[in-house]
């Protein structure tokens, strides 16, 4: 399950490139992603996009 969640995380625009990931700490769950970004006091929360199976 963890490898699948990490692959999904790295497909999101906010985490797609190394430059976009720099300075972020993410908490990943099956329903959403929460992350903090260096220099930003706000906790960001993203719902997973719908996937077509």
C-alpha atoms as a PDB file:
ATOM      1  CA  UNK A   1       0.000   0.000   0.000  1.00  0.00           C
ATOM      2  CA  UNK A   2       2.781   2.457   0.857  1.00  0.00           C
ATOM      3  CA  UNK A   3       4.552   2.171  -2.534  1.00  0.00           C
ATOM      4  CA  UNK A   4       1.241   2.845  -4.299  1.00  0.00           C
ATOM      5  CA  UNK A   5       0.578   5.953  -2.167  1.00  0.00           C
ATOM      6  CA  UNK A   6       4.098   7.265  -2.812  1.00  0.00           C
ATOM      7  CA  UNK A   7       3.696   6.780  -6.579  1.00  0.00           C
ATOM      8  CA  UNK A   8       0.391   8.652  -6.451  1.00  0.00           C
ATOM      9  CA  UNK A   9       2.002  11.425  -4.385  1.00  0.00           C
ATOM     10  CA  UNK A  10       4.822  11.883  -6.901  1.00  0.00           C
ATOM     11  CA  UNK A  11       2.282  12.255  -9.728  1.00  0.00           C
ATOM     12  CA  UNK A  12       0.661  15.307  -8.094  1.00  0.00           C
ATOM     13  CA  UNK A  13       1.831  18.641  -9.564  1.00  0.00           C
ATOM     14  CA  UNK A  14       2.939  19.840  -6.103  1.00  0.00           C
ATOM     15  CA  UNK A  15       5.350  16.883  -5.806  1.00  0.00           C
ATOM     16  CA  UNK A  16       6.155  15.929  -9.413  1.00  0.00           C
ATOM     17  CA  UNK A  17       9.694  17.342  -9.604  1.00  0.00           C
ATOM     18  CA  UNK A  18      12.509  17.450  -7.081  1.00  0.00           C
ATOM     19  CA  UNK A  19      12.407  21.250  -7.175  1.00  0.00           C
ATOM     20  CA  UNK A  20       8.672  21.216  -6.347  1.00  0.00           C
ATOM     21  CA  UNK A  21       9.247  18.816  -3.417  1.00  0.00           C
ATOM     22  CA  UNK A  22      12.069  20.788  -1.811  1.00  0.00           C
ATOM     23  CA  UNK A  23      11.150  22.236   1.582  1.00  0.00           C
ATOM     24  CA  UNK A  24       7.966  20.191   1.968  1.00  0.00           C
ATOM     25  CA  UNK A  25       7.019  17.655   4.595  1.00  0.00           C
ATOM     26  CA  UNK A  26       4.049  15.497   3.652  1.00  0.00           C
ATOM     27  CA  UNK A  27       1.680  13.235   5.546  1.00  0.00           C
ATOM     28  CA  UNK A  28       0.046  10.798   3.146  1.00  0.00           C
ATOM     29  CA  UNK A  29      -3.121   8.826   3.829  1.00  0.00           C
ATOM     30  CA  UNK A  30      -5.432   6.780   1.609  1.00  0.00           C
ATOM     31  CA  UNK A  31      -7.929   9.680   1.493  1.00  0.00           C
ATOM     32  CA  UNK A  32      -5.759  12.806   1.300  1.00  0.00           C
ATOM     33  CA  UNK A  33      -2.331  14.443   1.483  1.00  0.00           C
ATOM     34  CA  UNK A  34      -1.382  17.096   4.026  1.00  0.00           C
ATOM     35  CA  UNK A  35       1.849  19.010   3.704  1.00  0.00           C
ATOM     36  CA  UNK A  36       3.786  21.865   5.224  1.00  0.00           C
ATOM     37  CA  UNK A  37       6.070  24.035   3.151  1.00  0.00           C
ATOM     38  CA  UNK A  38       9.142  25.851   4.416  1.00  0.00           C
ATOM     39  CA  UNK A  39       8.426  29.551   4.921  1.00  0.00           C
ATOM     40  CA  UNK A  40       4.649  29.011   4.927  1.00  0.00           C
ATOM     41  CA  UNK A  41       2.722  28.753   8.195  1.00  0.00           C
ATOM     42  CA  UNK A  42      -0.287  27.135   6.521  1.00  0.00           C
ATOM     43  CA  UNK A  43      -1.033  23.403   6.445  1.00  0.00           C
ATOM     44  CA  UNK A  44      -2.034  22.456   2.904  1.00  0.00           C
ATOM     45  CA  UNK A  45      -4.498  19.625   2.313  1.00  0.00           C
ATOM     46  CA  UNK A  46      -5.139  17.906  -1.012  1.00  0.00           C
ATOM     47  CA  UNK A  47      -7.746  15.278  -1.790  1.00  0.00           C
ATOM     48  CA  UNK A  48      -6.596  12.521  -4.094  1.00  0.00           C
ATOM     49  CA  UNK A  49      -7.806  13.030  -7.675  1.00  0.00           C
ATOM     50  CA  UNK A  50     -10.326  10.506  -8.879  1.00  0.00           C
ATOM     51  CA  UNK A  51      -8.676   7.600 -10.655  1.00  0.00           C
ATOM     52  CA  UNK A  52     -10.247   5.662 -13.483  1.00  0.00           C
ATOM     53  CA  UNK A  53      -9.745   1.904 -13.131  1.00  0.00           C
END
